[in-house]
Amino acid sequence: MRLRVSMCPYNGGSGGMEQAHVFIECGSGEQVLRWVAYTATSRLAYLRGDSPMIYVPQSVLAPDGTPLDVDIVLNEVCSDGDHLTVEFSNGPEAFKARWEGRPNTPPFQWGKEGEIGPSENEWLDEMDMKFYGLDKLVSPDLVAQNPAALDQDLFAVKEVLRQYAGGLQALYKYYDSLKEEDPRQLDRLSLDQFRSMMLDARITTDHFKAPMIDQCFNSCLEDLAARSDSGSRNKNNNHQQHVAQTAVSMQEFLVTLVWLASAKFALALESPTWGYAELSQQLLHLITDYLFPNLGVALSERLKVLDNAFTDNSTLLLKKGRRLTEQTLDSCQLRRVASAERRIDIKYMCTHLLKWNMLGARGMDLNTLMIILLFAKHPDPDLLKMQLQKQPMEVNYDEFERLLLGLAYKMYTAEDGHDEPFEEYLGEILDEVYKKSGVLVEIKKP
């Protein structure tokens, strides 16, 4: 594998002009992107006649400018001849740029019983309501009566999000994959997908028509983009970002829900006594009276059907193949870091599911896969009982096993004319996955 790497100075995320480019021979691509970054900066120093360690890498960017996780295995995201960009500075700290999923806090800390990992809801705990502009949605009348009402209402908004975040995340994953064909576009909810969710939730009335959904979504997007651009980006980059921003992440989706709740349930919007003064109550009403009742039941029923995949024989079969299942997940390793538990991002898992003919065939589309993912992540199908998961979602050994089981059952029930029982079909599917992943090698007799 050979890569072309553009070298640009790091300016705190504002972008920089290419100063040079280098070509790097990567063999089979088993290295991580961190290696590419250090190799590229050393090569640049060599070309300039400088000290080998004078340049320190700060980020590795995809062709679209997105910062990549530097612990990703190279051949999982790049092919021969691909182009990457490495941003560099004079240090001393390396990789200051943030990428999607990178925590703000250290990766672990030590407690009385040893290592304590980051919590699954860390990304929600780190959300700053004022940073996302929600302070402008708090009623001015409340603040005029009590200056402390601003912080109190924003704190209550965050508590509502914490309470229902697991179910909201499940709805996001379901609608985010609706009519989507490209796994790389997961975790980016479009306006069409957001509108479909709200229409299914039956929030429209004579006073709140469908175009209001689009208006709330676009207004929120414009506000988020303006706040992002108000930092160090120059005027030209501002314009480019405004044009490009057409979908929302999970965090931005939660913010968009607050915008919509404020627009629909503001006090005296439809009548003098109708609505809620507190922003937190507006959000609570949207979730408990519209989203969960009108969307949760149908989704929960789809998840309950997959419980039929668990039989005594299928459970025994999974137990027998557990070691091969774990090795299969290991073969999908995207990031190579020291970790007590192997976890794979579902977006990158899709690459391997395509290779195994488990996605894009046999009636298995991304939306169906997301339903099975929720089945793998949540033992209880009730949205109210779902626990918030790390964002972007990942699967560990146990969840990967449930994912394979759910995929096999969905394909079994979707195909007609099966003479064999499900357990036999499951065995064939697992055997196929093990062989295609390379963990089970058929030995031919001489």
Foldseek 3Di string as FASTA:
>chain_A
DKEKEFEAADDPLQDGDGPDIDMDDQDPQQQFQLVVQLVGQQVVCVVVVHDSLQKAWAFKAAPVGATDDRQFGGVLPDDPYGYIYTHIDRDDDHHPDDHPQDAPDPQWDADPVGIDGDDFCRVLVPDDCVLLPCLVLAFPVVCVVPVCLSVVLSVLQSVLCQQQVQLLVLLQQLLQQVVDFALVSRQWHFLVSQLVLQVLLVLDDPLRHSVNSVVLLLVSQVSNLVSVCVPDHDPVVSVVSNVPRGTHGSVSVSVSLLSSLSVRFDACSPHNGGHDNRSSVSSNCCVPVGNCVRPLVVLLVLLVVLVVLDDPLLVVVCVVCLVLLQVLLVLLGGGDDDDPWRKAQVSSVVVLCVLLVLEPPLPHYSSLLSSQLCSLQDVHSRSSPGHRGHPPHIDTSSSSSSSLSSSLVVSVVSDPDDPDDSSVSSVVSSVSSSVSSPVDDDDDDD
